[in-house]
Amino acid sequence: MVPQWFIEEKRDGREHAEADLRAWVRGIADGSLPDYQIAAWLMAAYLNGLSEAETATLTDAMMRSGECLAWDLPAPTADKHSTGGVGDKISLPLAPVCAALGLAVPMISGRGLGLTGGTLDKLESIPGFNVRLSVADFRRIVADVGCCLIGQTDTLAPADRRLYALRDVTGTVPSIPLITASIMSKKLAEGAQHLLFDVKFGSGAFMRTRADAHRLAESLIATGRRLGRRCRALITDMDQPLGRAVGNALEVREALETLSGRGPWDIRALTIEEAAHLALSAGRFADLPLARRAAAKALADGSALRRFRAMVAAQGGTLDAPLPTAEIRVPVPAPRGGFIEHVNAETIGRVALELGAGRVKVTDTPNLAAGLDALLQQGDVVTPGQPLCFLCADTERRAESLVEQTLAAFTITDSQPPERELIAETLIG
């Protein structure tokens, strides 16, 4: 395989031979291919696309560029991936609910960047919680507790790390085949047999339209099918934030409320639905209604919360020590009374970022206590002057400077708006 010929092939819209594509990925992983040739190919692939077969081969080769975990457990293995959004804390209650339903959940998660919050950052707001575990410890905790959430190791899908970094600086991130290969290579390397994808669309999502989200979901499922995984996808709304808290420690508190049988309706509903789909895919229940009832019971009877506590303890953390709390808590008063018609997720995400809750660069350190709390949601009744939310920050000046921007996220109307459609579509592979 001559690199420039390989690049020209995709530049001209032709399909790669499987052997050549695998050799290309080996060159990415071992460093024999220079960045400039990889970047040229990424742009050619972005402009001309990859076929379903090419996407599956790329995914498989990226997965095999490093260690691939295999699980010998009595419980079926399952995991989910979310394309991310504002207030998306579903992984925190979902993993222990699935464990309570008899699944083993080896979940490898990421950090937040930009408007998208990271599961690892949320977990690290729990005192002592360690997300940098060895593969041996990862295996042990999944076997003992039923779930474990860690960051990507150096040995899992190393080709993806190099490709992702180059995609980010070459304007080739919004390519569905490249997104698919990036997501799937990591999920397949961790070894879970049953996968669920939460593909979000809207102002606070990477995919802005439902049509784009549908195309990505189809690509993920098709690739999983070709590579022998049972996959499902939910296409969900991220035009408005999830839950009533945005920010790392604030979202952990909300996840704990959900695991205690309370929590916002949307966090609870999405947790139950995702757990039910994974449990049904793994053969734990005969139908979806039975699986939903079992997931709801795991939240109500404390069994999911006990799994979460056991996972936190196994990963060095404690829920007995206080979570980080912001020194400043500034209310955002409603300018008028009525009903909350809409809350713009992108605006809320930008405010959270400016409060210090997220990252602009990968090297940034977020303020784990910062964010927005007690957010009113679509359909809530509000009176003049009532707080629409509270801005949690390290200084009063920072919080007060963002009050007007936060106000712009809320639309208030005189009539009751329709109920929010949280799940727009379900795809089963």
Protein backbone atom coordinates (compact mmCIF):
# COMPACT_ATOMS: atom_id res chain seq x y z
CA MET A 1 0.00 0.00 0.00
CA VAL A 2 1.59 3.25 -1.21
CA PRO A 3 0.23 6.07 0.99
CA GLN A 4 -0.20 8.67 -1.76
CA TRP A 5 -1.98 6.16 -4.00
CA PHE A 6 -4.27 5.30 -1.10
CA ILE A 7 -5.07 9.00 -0.60
CA GLU A 8 -5.68 9.52 -4.33
CA GLU A 9 -8.06 6.56 -4.36
CA LYS A 10 -10.36 8.20 -1.83
CA ARG A 11 -9.80 11.65 -3.34
CA ASP A 12 -11.27 10.27 -6.56
CA GLY A 13 -14.23 8.68 -4.77
CA ARG A 14 -13.14 5.06 -5.12
CA GLU A 15 -13.58 2.36 -2.48
CA HIS A 16 -10.59 1.03 -0.57
CA ALA A 17 -9.66 -2.64 -0.55
CA GLU A 18 -10.03 -4.13 2.94
CA ALA A 19 -6.35 -5.09 3.18
CA ASP A 20 -5.23 -1.58 2.23
CA LEU A 21 -7.53 0.05 4.78
CA ARG A 22 -6.24 -2.24 7.53
CA ALA A 23 -2.65 -1.46 6.55
CA TRP A 24 -3.49 2.25 6.67
CA VAL A 25 -4.80 1.95 10.24
CA ARG A 26 -1.69 0.01 11.29
CA GLY A 27 0.39 2.92 9.96
CA ILE A 28 -1.68 5.35 12.01
CA ALA A 29 -1.25 3.29 15.18
CA ASP A 30 2.49 2.56 14.84
CA GLY A 31 3.41 6.10 13.79
CA SER A 32 4.83 5.17 10.39
CA LEU A 33 2.33 7.44 8.61
CA PRO A 34 2.98 11.19 8.99
CA ASP A 35 0.23 13.54 10.16
CA TYR A 36 0.08 15.35 6.81
CA GLN A 37 -0.82 12.18 4.89
CA ILE A 38 -3.42 11.14 7.46
CA ALA A 39 -4.90 14.66 7.35
CA ALA A 40 -5.10 14.54 3.54
CA TRP A 41 -6.93 11.22 3.69
CA LEU A 42 -9.31 12.48 6.39
CA MET A 43 -10.38 15.37 4.15
CA ALA A 44 -10.83 13.02 1.18
CA ALA A 45 -12.94 10.68 3.35
CA TYR A 46 -14.92 13.62 4.71
CA LEU A 47 -15.72 14.92 1.21
CA ASN A 48 -16.35 11.58 -0.55
CA GLY A 49 -17.55 9.44 2.33
CA LEU A 50 -16.95 5.82 3.24
CA SER A 51 -19.17 2.91 2.31
CA GLU A 52 -20.83 0.76 4.95
CA ALA A 53 -18.21 -1.94 4.32
CA GLU A 54 -15.34 0.57 4.58
CA THR A 55 -16.77 2.00 7.81
CA ALA A 56 -16.98 -1.48 9.34
CA THR A 57 -13.42 -2.34 8.25
CA LEU A 58 -12.08 0.97 9.59
CA THR A 59 -13.88 0.37 12.90
CA ASP A 60 -12.59 -3.18 13.23
CA ALA A 61 -9.03 -2.18 12.37
CA MET A 62 -9.10 0.69 14.87
CA MET A 63 -10.48 -1.64 17.53
CA ARG A 64 -7.69 -4.16 16.85
CA SER A 65 -5.00 -1.46 16.96
CA GLY A 66 -4.79 -2.08 20.70
CA GLU A 67 -6.04 -4.37 23.45
CA CYS A 68 -9.49 -5.95 23.05
CA LEU A 69 -11.17 -7.04 26.27
CA ALA A 70 -13.09 -10.29 26.52
CA TRP A 71 -15.38 -11.08 29.45
CA ASP A 72 -16.00 -14.49 30.97
CA LEU A 73 -18.86 -13.62 33.30
CA PRO A 74 -22.17 -15.29 34.17
CA ALA A 75 -23.98 -12.02 33.40
CA PRO A 76 -24.35 -10.64 29.86
CA THR A 77 -22.21 -7.57 29.20
CA ALA A 78 -23.84 -4.32 28.08
CA ASP A 79 -22.97 -0.66 27.66
CA LYS A 80 -24.34 2.54 26.20
CA HIS A 81 -22.85 5.55 24.46
CA SER A 82 -24.38 9.00 24.39
CA THR A 83 -23.38 11.57 21.80
CA GLY A 84 -23.54 14.05 24.68
CA GLY A 85 -25.43 17.14 25.65
CA VAL A 86 -26.27 19.69 28.32
CA GLY A 87 -27.21 18.09 31.65
CA ASP A 88 -26.75 14.55 30.29
CA LYS A 89 -25.95 12.59 33.43
CA ILE A 90 -27.77 9.39 32.42
CA SER A 91 -24.70 7.11 32.64
CA LEU A 92 -24.49 7.66 36.41
CA PRO A 93 -27.87 6.12 37.31
CA LEU A 94 -28.02 3.85 34.25
CA ALA A 95 -24.97 1.69 35.00
CA PRO A 96 -26.12 0.67 38.50
CA VAL A 97 -29.72 0.14 37.35
CA CYS A 98 -28.45 -2.24 34.65
CA ALA A 99 -26.27 -4.00 37.22
CA ALA A 100 -29.31 -4.41 39.49
CA LEU A 101 -31.12 -6.03 36.54
CA GLY A 102 -28.43 -8.68 36.20
CA LEU A 103 -26.19 -7.13 33.55
CA ALA A 104 -22.44 -6.52 33.72
CA VAL A 105 -21.59 -2.97 32.61
CA PRO A 106 -17.95 -2.24 31.68
CA MET A 107 -18.32 1.44 30.78
CA ILE A 108 -15.46 3.50 29.39
CA SER A 109 -16.41 7.17 29.44
CA GLY A 110 -14.95 10.52 28.41
CA ARG A 111 -14.37 14.04 29.65
CA GLY A 112 -16.36 17.12 28.79
CA LEU A 113 -15.29 19.55 26.08
CA GLY A 114 -17.18 22.68 25.13
CA LEU A 115 -20.90 22.46 25.88
CA THR A 116 -20.87 18.69 26.42
CA GLY A 117 -20.38 17.57 30.00
CA GLY A 118 -18.11 14.60 30.69
CA THR A 119 -19.05 11.58 32.78
CA LEU A 120 -15.51 11.34 34.16
CA ASP A 121 -15.58 14.96 35.38
CA LYS A 122 -18.89 14.34 37.13
CA LEU A 123 -17.57 11.21 38.83
CA GLU A 124 -14.39 12.99 39.95
CA SER A 125 -16.50 15.45 41.92
CA ILE A 126 -17.15 12.51 44.28
CA PRO A 127 -14.36 12.66 46.92
CA GLY A 128 -11.70 10.03 46.23
CA PHE A 129 -13.32 8.57 43.11
CA ASN A 130 -10.67 7.11 40.78
CA VAL A 131 -11.40 6.82 37.05
CA ARG A 132 -7.79 5.86 36.15
CA LEU A 133 -7.89 2.17 36.92
CA SER A 134 -5.80 -0.65 35.50
CA VAL A 135 -7.53 -3.14 33.23
CA ALA A 136 -7.15 -5.73 36.00
CA ASP A 137 -8.99 -3.52 38.51
CA PHE A 138 -11.60 -2.70 35.87
CA ARG A 139 -12.25 -6.42 35.37
CA ARG A 140 -12.40 -7.11 39.10
CA ILE A 141 -14.91 -4.36 39.87
CA VAL A 142 -17.20 -5.29 36.97
CA ALA A 143 -17.17 -8.90 38.21
CA ASP A 144 -17.70 -7.98 41.88
CA VAL A 145 -20.11 -5.02 41.63
CA GLY A 146 -21.69 -5.39 38.19
CA CYS A 147 -20.57 -1.99 36.87
CA CYS A 148 -17.47 0.16 36.65
CA LEU A 149 -16.90 3.52 34.96
CA ILE A 150 -13.38 4.47 33.89
CA GLY A 151 -11.54 6.59 31.31
CA GLN A 152 -10.05 5.25 28.10
CA THR A 153 -6.80 3.37 28.73
CA ASP A 154 -3.67 3.79 26.63
CA THR A 155 -4.09 0.30 25.25
CA LEU A 156 -7.68 0.54 23.96
CA ALA A 157 -8.11 1.68 20.33
CA PRO A 158 -4.90 3.79 20.20
CA ALA A 159 -5.44 4.51 16.48
CA ASP A 160 -8.62 6.38 17.42
CA ARG A 161 -6.77 8.79 19.70
CA ARG A 162 -4.47 9.88 16.88
CA LEU A 163 -7.24 10.08 14.31
CA TYR A 164 -9.52 12.03 16.65
CA ALA A 165 -6.83 14.61 17.41
CA LEU A 166 -6.25 15.17 13.68
CA ARG A 167 -9.97 15.32 12.89
CA ASP A 168 -10.35 18.04 15.49
CA VAL A 169 -7.78 20.31 13.79
CA THR A 170 -8.58 19.54 10.14
CA GLY A 171 -12.30 20.36 10.05
CA THR A 172 -13.31 16.73 9.50
CA VAL A 173 -15.14 15.99 12.76
CA PRO A 174 -18.70 16.09 11.26
CA SER A 175 -18.28 12.93 9.16
CA ILE A 176 -20.77 10.20 10.04
CA PRO A 177 -18.48 7.30 8.97
CA LEU A 178 -15.55 8.75 10.93
CA ILE A 179 -17.76 9.45 13.96
CA THR A 180 -19.10 5.90 13.74
CA ALA A 181 -15.64 4.34 13.60
CA SER A 182 -14.44 6.46 16.53
CA ILE A 183 -17.39 5.58 18.77
CA MET A 184 -17.64 1.93 17.79
CA SER A 185 -13.91 1.08 17.94
CA LYS A 186 -13.76 2.07 21.62
CA LYS A 187 -17.04 0.37 22.53
CA LEU A 188 -16.09 -2.83 20.74
CA ALA A 189 -12.62 -2.85 22.33
CA GLU A 190 -14.15 -2.79 25.81
CA GLY A 191 -15.91 -6.05 24.97
CA ALA A 192 -19.61 -5.41 25.76
CA GLN A 193 -21.87 -7.63 23.66
CA HIS A 194 -25.02 -5.49 23.87
CA LEU A 195 -24.78 -1.81 22.96
CA LEU A 196 -27.24 1.06 23.14
CA PHE A 197 -26.63 4.43 21.51
CA ASP A 198 -28.32 7.60 22.74
CA VAL A 199 -28.03 9.85 19.69
CA LYS A 200 -29.10 13.37 20.57
CA PHE A 201 -30.28 16.20 18.34
CA GLY A 202 -31.07 19.87 18.92
CA SER A 203 -29.36 23.11 19.94
CA GLY A 204 -27.31 21.45 22.71
CA ALA A 205 -26.24 18.44 20.64
CA PHE A 206 -23.51 17.68 18.14
CA MET A 207 -26.17 16.62 15.63
CA ARG A 208 -28.44 19.63 15.26
CA THR A 209 -31.25 17.93 13.27
CA ARG A 210 -33.21 14.76 13.82
CA ALA A 211 -32.37 13.67 10.27
CA ASP A 212 -28.63 13.84 10.99
CA ALA A 213 -29.12 11.98 14.26
CA HIS A 214 -31.07 9.29 12.42
CA ARG A 215 -28.26 8.87 9.87
CA LEU A 216 -25.67 8.49 12.61
CA ALA A 217 -27.84 5.99 14.51
CA GLU A 218 -28.31 3.91 11.34
CA SER A 219 -24.57 3.96 10.69
CA LEU A 220 -23.77 2.81 14.24
CA ILE A 221 -26.29 -0.02 14.10
CA ALA A 222 -25.17 -1.16 10.63
CA THR A 223 -21.52 -1.23 11.73
CA GLY A 224 -22.39 -3.13 14.89
CA ARG A 225 -24.37 -5.66 12.87
CA ARG A 226 -21.44 -6.25 10.49
CA LEU A 227 -19.12 -6.77 13.47
CA GLY A 228 -21.38 -9.12 15.39
CA ARG A 229 -22.85 -6.84 18.06
CA ARG A 230 -26.49 -6.45 19.00
CA CYS A 231 -27.16 -2.72 18.90
CA ARG A 232 -30.09 -0.41 19.52
CA ALA A 233 -30.38 3.35 19.31
CA LEU A 234 -32.64 5.97 20.83
CA ILE A 235 -32.86 9.33 19.09
CA THR A 236 -33.49 11.83 21.87
CA ASP A 237 -34.16 15.53 22.30
CA MET A 238 -31.29 17.82 23.29
CA ASP A 239 -32.93 21.08 22.26
CA GLN A 240 -33.50 21.59 25.98
CA PRO A 241 -31.27 20.55 28.91
CA LEU A 242 -31.77 17.24 30.66
CA GLY A 243 -32.81 17.54 34.27
CA ARG A 244 -32.69 20.57 36.53
CA ALA A 245 -28.92 20.70 37.11
CA VAL A 246 -26.01 21.42 34.77
CA GLY A 247 -22.52 21.14 36.24
CA ASN A 248 -20.44 18.30 37.61
CA ALA A 249 -21.18 18.00 41.35
CA LEU A 250 -24.69 19.39 40.79
CA GLU A 251 -25.39 16.59 38.32
CA VAL A 252 -24.03 13.94 40.69
CA ARG A 253 -26.51 15.17 43.31
CA GLU A 254 -29.31 14.88 40.78
CA ALA A 255 -28.18 11.38 39.80
CA LEU A 256 -28.26 10.39 43.48
CA GLU A 257 -31.78 11.80 43.78
CA THR A 258 -32.79 9.68 40.80
CA LEU A 259 -31.19 6.59 42.33
CA SER A 260 -33.13 7.34 45.53
CA GLY A 261 -36.44 7.08 43.66
CA ARG A 262 -36.85 10.81 43.06
CA GLY A 263 -35.17 13.11 40.57
CA PRO A 264 -36.51 14.98 37.52
CA TRP A 265 -38.99 13.14 35.32
CA ASP A 266 -36.79 13.26 32.20
CA ILE A 267 -33.70 11.81 33.90
CA ARG A 268 -35.82 9.07 35.42
CA ALA A 269 -37.67 8.33 32.17
CA LEU A 270 -34.54 8.12 30.03
CA THR A 271 -32.70 5.99 32.60
CA ILE A 272 -35.59 3.52 32.74
CA GLU A 273 -35.97 3.37 28.96
CA GLU A 274 -32.27 2.85 28.28
CA ALA A 275 -31.93 0.21 30.99
CA ALA A 276 -35.02 -1.58 29.68
CA HIS A 277 -33.66 -1.72 26.13
CA LEU A 278 -30.29 -3.07 27.26
CA ALA A 279 -31.90 -5.67 29.53
CA LEU A 280 -34.27 -6.78 26.77
CA SER A 281 -31.45 -7.00 24.22
CA ALA A 282 -29.49 -9.17 26.66
CA GLY A 283 -32.45 -11.52 27.12
CA ARG A 284 -33.19 -10.67 30.74
CA PHE A 285 -36.88 -10.00 30.07
CA ALA A 286 -39.52 -11.20 27.63
CA ASP A 287 -40.70 -7.76 26.55
CA LEU A 288 -40.04 -4.04 26.97
CA PRO A 289 -42.91 -3.30 29.45
CA LEU A 290 -41.58 -5.97 31.83
CA ALA A 291 -38.07 -4.55 31.53
CA ARG A 292 -39.32 -1.01 32.18
CA ARG A 293 -41.15 -2.09 35.33
CA ALA A 294 -38.05 -3.88 36.60
CA ALA A 295 -35.87 -0.82 35.96
CA ALA A 296 -38.37 1.42 37.76
CA LYS A 297 -38.39 -1.02 40.69
CA ALA A 298 -34.57 -0.92 40.89
CA LEU A 299 -34.80 2.85 41.37
CA ALA A 300 -37.67 2.61 43.85
CA ASP A 301 -36.38 -0.18 46.11
CA GLY A 302 -32.81 1.09 46.51
CA SER A 303 -31.11 -1.81 44.74
CA ALA A 304 -29.61 0.49 42.06
CA LEU A 305 -28.44 2.97 44.70
CA ARG A 306 -26.71 0.13 46.59
CA ARG A 307 -24.87 -0.86 43.39
CA PHE A 308 -23.78 2.74 42.86
CA ARG A 309 -22.50 3.01 46.43
CA ALA A 310 -20.58 -0.26 46.01
CA MET A 311 -19.05 0.97 42.74
CA VAL A 312 -18.02 4.29 44.30
CA ALA A 313 -16.37 2.47 47.23
CA ALA A 314 -14.63 0.00 44.92
CA GLN A 315 -13.19 2.91 42.92
CA GLY A 316 -11.85 4.64 46.02
CA GLY A 317 -14.62 7.18 46.53
CA THR A 318 -17.08 7.96 49.30
CA LEU A 319 -20.60 9.36 49.32
CA ASP A 320 -20.33 10.17 53.02
CA ALA A 321 -18.11 13.21 52.43
CA PRO A 322 -19.73 16.36 50.99
CA LEU A 323 -19.65 17.02 47.26
CA PRO A 324 -18.03 20.28 46.09
CA THR A 325 -20.37 23.23 46.67
CA ALA A 326 -20.12 26.67 45.09
CA GLU A 327 -19.59 29.62 47.42
CA ILE A 328 -21.88 31.83 45.34
CA ARG A 329 -25.47 31.05 44.32
CA VAL A 330 -27.15 33.86 42.36
CA PRO A 331 -30.87 33.64 41.37
CA VAL A 332 -32.07 34.49 37.86
CA PRO A 333 -35.52 36.10 38.40
CA ALA A 334 -38.36 35.57 35.93
CA PRO A 335 -39.31 38.81 34.16
CA ARG A 336 -42.99 37.80 34.04
CA GLY A 337 -45.38 35.06 35.07
CA GLY A 338 -46.73 32.24 32.93
CA PHE A 339 -45.54 28.83 31.73
CA ILE A 340 -42.03 27.84 30.71
CA GLU A 341 -42.41 27.11 27.01
CA HIS A 342 -38.79 26.35 26.13
CA VAL A 343 -35.29 26.36 27.63
CA ASN A 344 -32.51 26.65 25.05
CA ALA A 345 -29.89 23.99 25.73
CA GLU A 346 -27.10 25.69 23.81
CA THR A 347 -27.46 28.93 25.79
CA ILE A 348 -27.55 27.06 29.10
CA GLY A 349 -24.47 25.10 28.07
CA ARG A 350 -22.61 28.28 27.19
CA VAL A 351 -23.50 29.81 30.56
CA ALA A 352 -22.26 26.69 32.37
CA LEU A 353 -19.02 26.90 30.43
CA GLU A 354 -18.53 30.57 31.37
CA LEU A 355 -19.30 29.77 35.00
CA GLY A 356 -16.29 27.46 34.88
CA ALA A 357 -18.08 24.09 34.79
CA GLY A 358 -16.55 22.92 31.51
CA ARG A 359 -13.53 23.06 29.22
CA VAL A 360 -12.66 25.14 26.20
CA LYS A 361 -9.40 23.20 25.75
CA VAL A 362 -8.68 19.59 26.72
CA THR A 363 -6.05 20.87 29.18
CA ASP A 364 -8.50 23.09 31.08
CA THR A 365 -9.49 22.15 34.65
CA PRO A 366 -13.22 22.59 35.35
CA ASN A 367 -14.63 24.00 38.56
CA LEU A 368 -16.47 20.90 39.80
CA ALA A 369 -18.87 22.97 41.94
CA ALA A 370 -19.90 25.44 39.23
CA GLY A 371 -23.02 25.31 37.07
CA LEU A 372 -26.76 25.97 37.04
CA ASP A 373 -29.12 24.50 39.61
CA ALA A 374 -32.90 24.27 40.11
CA LEU A 375 -33.56 24.94 36.42
CA LEU A 376 -37.23 25.30 35.59
CA GLN A 377 -38.35 23.03 32.76
CA GLN A 378 -40.86 23.15 29.93
CA GLY A 379 -44.39 23.21 31.34
CA ASP A 380 -43.45 24.60 34.77
CA VAL A 381 -45.56 27.47 36.13
CA VAL A 382 -43.57 30.56 37.04
CA THR A 383 -44.49 33.78 38.89
CA PRO A 384 -42.86 37.22 38.38
CA GLY A 385 -39.50 37.38 40.17
CA GLN A 386 -39.40 33.64 40.87
CA PRO A 387 -35.93 32.15 40.19
CA LEU A 388 -35.73 30.45 36.81
CA CYS A 389 -32.54 28.85 38.10
CA PHE A 390 -29.52 29.61 40.28
CA LEU A 391 -26.04 30.36 38.95
CA CYS A 392 -23.36 28.63 41.01
CA ALA A 393 -19.89 30.14 40.73
CA ASP A 394 -16.69 31.02 42.55
CA THR A 395 -17.38 34.77 42.54
CA GLU A 396 -20.52 36.87 42.66
CA ARG A 397 -19.21 39.03 39.85
CA ARG A 398 -18.89 36.07 37.50
CA ALA A 399 -22.39 34.82 38.27
CA GLU A 400 -24.08 38.23 38.03
CA SER A 401 -22.43 38.94 34.67
CA LEU A 402 -24.27 35.93 33.22
CA VAL A 403 -27.79 36.67 34.49
CA GLU A 404 -28.99 38.39 31.29
CA GLN A 405 -27.50 35.69 29.08
CA THR A 406 -29.26 33.04 31.16
CA LEU A 407 -32.58 34.90 30.93
CA ALA A 408 -32.33 34.71 27.13
CA ALA A 409 -32.48 30.90 27.33
CA PHE A 410 -36.01 30.90 28.76
CA THR A 411 -39.21 31.44 26.77
CA ILE A 412 -42.30 32.17 28.89
CA THR A 413 -45.82 31.94 27.46
CA ASP A 414 -49.36 32.48 28.75
CA SER A 415 -50.65 29.03 27.82
CA GLN A 416 -49.61 25.54 28.84
CA PRO A 417 -47.14 24.19 26.23
CA PRO A 418 -47.39 20.63 24.91
CA GLU A 419 -45.53 17.90 26.78
CA ARG A 420 -41.92 17.49 25.73
CA GLU A 421 -41.21 14.54 23.43
CA LEU A 422 -38.05 13.16 25.00
CA ILE A 423 -37.55 10.10 22.75
CA ALA A 424 -38.22 10.82 19.10
CA GLU A 425 -37.37 7.43 17.61
CA THR A 426 -36.13 3.95 18.48
CA LEU A 427 -33.97 1.88 16.08
CA ILE A 428 -33.29 -1.81 16.67
CA GLY A 429 -30.52 -3.59 14.83
